[in-house]
Amino acid sequence: MPALSPTMTSGNIAQWIKKEGESVSAGDTIAQVETDKATVDFEVLDDGVVAKLLVAEGASDLPVGTPVAILVESAGDVNAFKDYVADAAPA
């Protein structure tokens, strides 16, 4: 979960715009994220392919820094993440 505002400590995935297997370019919106103040676009920084969405649409109170998606450079790498499950947060 990126920090999309200076005061953001957690956020909610309001909607995934891109799906697994879809190509993205730098600046594309991958999701809409609800912050403490507004719903904002989560834009990718690099070109790639969405390999895995790690949290479900509607997931809430995700701390900043929580991995929410995996992007890979080429479509050929997507299959390597089909069964990937993110580790649980440390206790």
N, C-alpha and C. Protein backbone atom coordinates (compact mmCIF):
# COMPACT_ATOMS: atom_id res chain seq x y z
N MET A 1 0.85 -1.16 0.00
CA MET A 1 0.00 0.00 0.00
C MET A 1 0.90 1.23 0.00
N PRO A 2 0.79 2.04 -1.04
CA PRO A 2 1.61 3.25 -1.09
C PRO A 2 1.03 4.35 -0.21
N ALA A 3 1.87 5.27 0.22
CA ALA A 3 1.39 6.46 0.93
C ALA A 3 0.95 7.46 -0.14
N LEU A 4 -0.34 7.67 -0.26
CA LEU A 4 -0.88 8.54 -1.30
C LEU A 4 -1.21 9.94 -0.80
N SER A 5 -0.94 10.17 0.47
CA SER A 5 -1.05 11.52 1.04
C SER A 5 -0.05 11.62 2.18
N PRO A 6 0.35 12.82 2.54
CA PRO A 6 1.36 12.96 3.60
C PRO A 6 0.93 12.40 4.96
N THR A 7 -0.37 12.36 5.22
CA THR A 7 -0.84 11.88 6.53
C THR A 7 -1.35 10.45 6.50
N MET A 8 -1.29 9.81 5.36
CA MET A 8 -1.86 8.47 5.22
C MET A 8 -1.04 7.44 5.98
N THR A 9 -1.71 6.66 6.83
CA THR A 9 -1.06 5.56 7.55
C THR A 9 -1.62 4.21 7.14
N SER A 10 -2.83 4.21 6.56
CA SER A 10 -3.45 2.99 6.07
C SER A 10 -4.46 3.37 4.99
N GLY A 11 -4.89 2.39 4.24
CA GLY A 11 -5.86 2.65 3.18
C GLY A 11 -6.71 1.43 2.88
N ASN A 12 -7.71 1.66 2.05
CA ASN A 12 -8.63 0.60 1.63
C ASN A 12 -8.58 0.49 0.11
N ILE A 13 -8.62 -0.73 -0.41
CA ILE A 13 -8.72 -0.92 -1.86
C ILE A 13 -10.19 -0.79 -2.23
N ALA A 14 -10.56 0.36 -2.78
CA ALA A 14 -11.96 0.59 -3.17
C ALA A 14 -12.31 -0.20 -4.42
N GLN A 15 -11.36 -0.22 -5.37
CA GLN A 15 -11.61 -0.92 -6.64
C GLN A 15 -10.30 -1.20 -7.35
N TRP A 16 -10.15 -2.42 -7.84
CA TRP A 16 -9.04 -2.73 -8.73
C TRP A 16 -9.45 -2.31 -10.13
N ILE A 17 -8.66 -1.49 -10.78
CA ILE A 17 -8.92 -1.06 -12.15
C ILE A 17 -8.32 -2.07 -13.14
N LYS A 18 -7.13 -2.54 -12.82
CA LYS A 18 -6.45 -3.54 -13.66
C LYS A 18 -6.61 -4.92 -13.03
N LYS A 19 -6.64 -5.92 -13.87
CA LYS A 19 -6.80 -7.31 -13.43
C LYS A 19 -5.50 -8.08 -13.67
N GLU A 20 -5.38 -9.24 -13.05
CA GLU A 20 -4.20 -10.07 -13.26
C GLU A 20 -4.05 -10.40 -14.73
N GLY A 21 -2.82 -10.30 -15.23
CA GLY A 21 -2.53 -10.59 -16.64
C GLY A 21 -2.60 -9.37 -17.54
N GLU A 22 -3.10 -8.25 -17.05
CA GLU A 22 -3.21 -7.04 -17.87
C GLU A 22 -1.89 -6.27 -17.87
N SER A 23 -1.56 -5.71 -19.02
CA SER A 23 -0.38 -4.86 -19.15
C SER A 23 -0.68 -3.47 -18.60
N VAL A 24 0.35 -2.85 -18.04
CA VAL A 24 0.24 -1.49 -17.53
C VAL A 24 1.44 -0.68 -18.00
N SER A 25 1.23 0.61 -18.12
CA SER A 25 2.31 1.54 -18.46
C SER A 25 2.46 2.53 -17.33
N ALA A 26 3.64 3.09 -17.19
CA ALA A 26 3.88 4.09 -16.15
C ALA A 26 2.80 5.15 -16.21
N GLY A 27 2.20 5.44 -15.07
CA GLY A 27 1.14 6.44 -15.00
C GLY A 27 -0.26 5.86 -15.06
N ASP A 28 -0.39 4.58 -15.45
CA ASP A 28 -1.72 3.95 -15.48
C ASP A 28 -2.24 3.77 -14.05
N THR A 29 -3.53 3.91 -13.89
CA THR A 29 -4.17 3.66 -12.60
C THR A 29 -4.42 2.17 -12.46
N ILE A 30 -3.89 1.58 -11.39
CA ILE A 30 -4.08 0.15 -11.14
C ILE A 30 -5.24 -0.07 -10.18
N ALA A 31 -5.49 0.89 -9.28
CA ALA A 31 -6.56 0.75 -8.29
C ALA A 31 -7.00 2.12 -7.80
N GLN A 32 -8.17 2.13 -7.20
CA GLN A 32 -8.62 3.31 -6.47
C GLN A 32 -8.52 2.97 -4.99
N VAL A 33 -7.88 3.87 -4.25
CA VAL A 33 -7.60 3.65 -2.84
C VAL A 33 -8.30 4.72 -2.01
N GLU A 34 -9.00 4.26 -0.98
CA GLU A 34 -9.62 5.19 -0.04
C GLU A 34 -8.60 5.49 1.05
N THR A 35 -8.29 6.78 1.21
CA THR A 35 -7.37 7.20 2.27
C THR A 35 -8.20 7.77 3.41
N ASP A 36 -7.52 8.39 4.36
CA ASP A 36 -8.22 9.00 5.47
C ASP A 36 -9.02 10.23 5.06
N LYS A 37 -8.75 10.75 3.85
CA LYS A 37 -9.40 11.98 3.43
C LYS A 37 -10.15 11.90 2.11
N ALA A 38 -9.78 10.98 1.23
CA ALA A 38 -10.37 10.95 -0.11
C ALA A 38 -10.11 9.61 -0.78
N THR A 39 -10.77 9.40 -1.91
CA THR A 39 -10.48 8.25 -2.76
C THR A 39 -9.58 8.74 -3.88
N VAL A 40 -8.41 8.13 -4.02
CA VAL A 40 -7.41 8.58 -4.99
C VAL A 40 -6.94 7.42 -5.86
N ASP A 41 -6.40 7.78 -7.02
CA ASP A 41 -5.87 6.78 -7.94
C ASP A 41 -4.49 6.32 -7.48
N PHE A 42 -4.26 5.02 -7.56
CA PHE A 42 -2.95 4.42 -7.31
C PHE A 42 -2.36 4.15 -8.68
N GLU A 43 -1.36 4.94 -9.06
CA GLU A 43 -0.74 4.83 -10.38
C GLU A 43 0.56 4.04 -10.30
N VAL A 44 0.79 3.20 -11.32
CA VAL A 44 2.04 2.43 -11.37
C VAL A 44 3.17 3.34 -11.84
N LEU A 45 4.37 3.01 -11.40
CA LEU A 45 5.53 3.83 -11.74
C LEU A 45 6.31 3.31 -12.93
N ASP A 46 6.11 2.03 -13.27
CA ASP A 46 6.87 1.40 -14.35
C ASP A 46 5.94 0.61 -15.27
N ASP A 47 6.41 0.36 -16.49
CA ASP A 47 5.69 -0.51 -17.40
C ASP A 47 5.81 -1.95 -16.91
N GLY A 48 4.79 -2.76 -17.17
CA GLY A 48 4.85 -4.16 -16.77
C GLY A 48 3.53 -4.85 -16.97
N VAL A 49 3.37 -5.96 -16.28
CA VAL A 49 2.17 -6.79 -16.34
C VAL A 49 1.76 -7.11 -14.91
N VAL A 50 0.47 -7.01 -14.60
CA VAL A 50 -0.02 -7.36 -13.28
C VAL A 50 0.03 -8.89 -13.16
N ALA A 51 0.92 -9.38 -12.30
CA ALA A 51 1.05 -10.83 -12.14
C ALA A 51 0.10 -11.36 -11.08
N LYS A 52 -0.09 -10.60 -9.99
CA LYS A 52 -0.90 -11.10 -8.88
C LYS A 52 -1.42 -9.92 -8.06
N LEU A 53 -2.71 -9.96 -7.77
CA LEU A 53 -3.31 -9.02 -6.83
C LEU A 53 -3.30 -9.72 -5.48
N LEU A 54 -2.64 -9.14 -4.50
CA LEU A 54 -2.42 -9.81 -3.22
C LEU A 54 -3.52 -9.57 -2.20
N VAL A 55 -4.34 -8.56 -2.43
CA VAL A 55 -5.45 -8.28 -1.52
C VAL A 55 -6.72 -8.12 -2.34
N ALA A 56 -7.83 -8.47 -1.75
CA ALA A 56 -9.11 -8.41 -2.45
C ALA A 56 -9.63 -6.98 -2.53
N GLU A 57 -10.43 -6.75 -3.57
CA GLU A 57 -11.14 -5.49 -3.66
C GLU A 57 -11.99 -5.35 -2.40
N GLY A 58 -11.98 -4.18 -1.80
CA GLY A 58 -12.72 -3.96 -0.57
C GLY A 58 -11.88 -4.16 0.69
N ALA A 59 -10.65 -4.66 0.53
CA ALA A 59 -9.78 -4.85 1.70
C ALA A 59 -9.60 -3.50 2.39
N SER A 60 -9.65 -3.52 3.74
CA SER A 60 -9.60 -2.26 4.46
C SER A 60 -8.51 -2.24 5.51
N ASP A 61 -8.16 -1.02 5.90
CA ASP A 61 -7.16 -0.77 6.95
C ASP A 61 -5.82 -1.44 6.66
N LEU A 62 -5.38 -1.39 5.40
CA LEU A 62 -4.08 -1.94 5.04
C LEU A 62 -3.01 -0.91 5.38
N PRO A 63 -2.06 -1.24 6.25
CA PRO A 63 -1.02 -0.28 6.61
C PRO A 63 -0.17 0.10 5.39
N VAL A 64 0.27 1.36 5.35
CA VAL A 64 1.20 1.79 4.30
C VAL A 64 2.40 0.86 4.33
N GLY A 65 2.82 0.41 3.17
CA GLY A 65 3.95 -0.52 3.05
C GLY A 65 3.53 -1.96 2.85
N THR A 66 2.26 -2.27 3.04
CA THR A 66 1.76 -3.62 2.81
C THR A 66 1.76 -3.92 1.31
N PRO A 67 2.39 -5.03 0.88
CA PRO A 67 2.32 -5.38 -0.54
C PRO A 67 0.88 -5.65 -0.96
N VAL A 68 0.44 -5.04 -2.07
CA VAL A 68 -0.92 -5.24 -2.53
C VAL A 68 -0.99 -5.89 -3.92
N ALA A 69 0.12 -5.83 -4.67
CA ALA A 69 0.14 -6.42 -6.01
C ALA A 69 1.58 -6.73 -6.40
N ILE A 70 1.71 -7.66 -7.36
CA ILE A 70 3.02 -7.99 -7.92
C ILE A 70 2.97 -7.63 -9.40
N LEU A 71 3.92 -6.81 -9.84
CA LEU A 71 4.08 -6.49 -11.26
C LEU A 71 5.35 -7.14 -11.76
N VAL A 72 5.30 -7.65 -12.98
CA VAL A 72 6.46 -8.27 -13.62
C VAL A 72 6.74 -7.57 -14.95
N GLU A 73 7.92 -7.80 -15.47
CA GLU A 73 8.31 -7.11 -16.71
C GLU A 73 7.63 -7.66 -17.95
N SER A 74 7.41 -8.98 -17.99
CA SER A 74 6.82 -9.56 -19.21
C SER A 74 5.70 -10.54 -18.87
N ALA A 75 4.79 -10.69 -19.82
CA ALA A 75 3.64 -11.59 -19.63
C ALA A 75 4.09 -13.02 -19.36
N GLY A 76 5.25 -13.40 -19.85
CA GLY A 76 5.77 -14.74 -19.65
C GLY A 76 6.09 -15.05 -18.20
N ASP A 77 6.23 -14.01 -17.37
CA ASP A 77 6.55 -14.21 -15.96
C ASP A 77 5.32 -14.32 -15.07
N VAL A 78 4.14 -14.02 -15.59
CA VAL A 78 2.91 -14.00 -14.79
C VAL A 78 2.63 -15.36 -14.17
N ASN A 79 2.77 -16.42 -14.93
CA ASN A 79 2.43 -17.76 -14.47
C ASN A 79 3.23 -18.18 -13.23
N ALA A 80 4.43 -17.64 -13.08
CA ALA A 80 5.27 -17.99 -11.93
C ALA A 80 4.64 -17.55 -10.60
N PHE A 81 3.68 -16.63 -10.65
CA PHE A 81 3.06 -16.11 -9.43
C PHE A 81 1.62 -16.57 -9.23
N LYS A 82 1.12 -17.48 -10.07
CA LYS A 82 -0.29 -17.85 -9.99
C LYS A 82 -0.68 -18.46 -8.65
N ASP A 83 0.24 -19.16 -7.98
CA ASP A 83 -0.07 -19.78 -6.69
C ASP A 83 0.55 -19.05 -5.52
N TYR A 84 1.12 -17.88 -5.79
CA TYR A 84 1.81 -17.12 -4.73
C TYR A 84 0.82 -16.63 -3.68
N VAL A 85 1.20 -16.79 -2.43
CA VAL A 85 0.40 -16.27 -1.31
C VAL A 85 1.33 -15.41 -0.47
N ALA A 86 0.92 -14.19 -0.19
CA ALA A 86 1.75 -13.28 0.61
C ALA A 86 1.86 -13.81 2.03
N ASP A 87 3.03 -13.61 2.65
CA ASP A 87 3.23 -14.00 4.04
C ASP A 87 2.34 -13.17 4.95
N ALA A 88 1.92 -13.76 6.03
CA ALA A 88 1.13 -13.03 7.03
C ALA A 88 2.03 -12.00 7.70
N ALA A 89 1.43 -10.94 8.16
CA ALA A 89 2.18 -9.89 8.85
C ALA A 89 2.79 -10.46 10.13
N PRO A 90 3.99 -10.02 10.48
CA PRO A 90 4.59 -10.52 11.72
C PRO A 90 3.78 -10.09 12.94
N ALA A 91 3.77 -10.96 13.94
CA ALA A 91 2.98 -10.67 15.16
C ALA A 91 3.72 -9.74 16.08
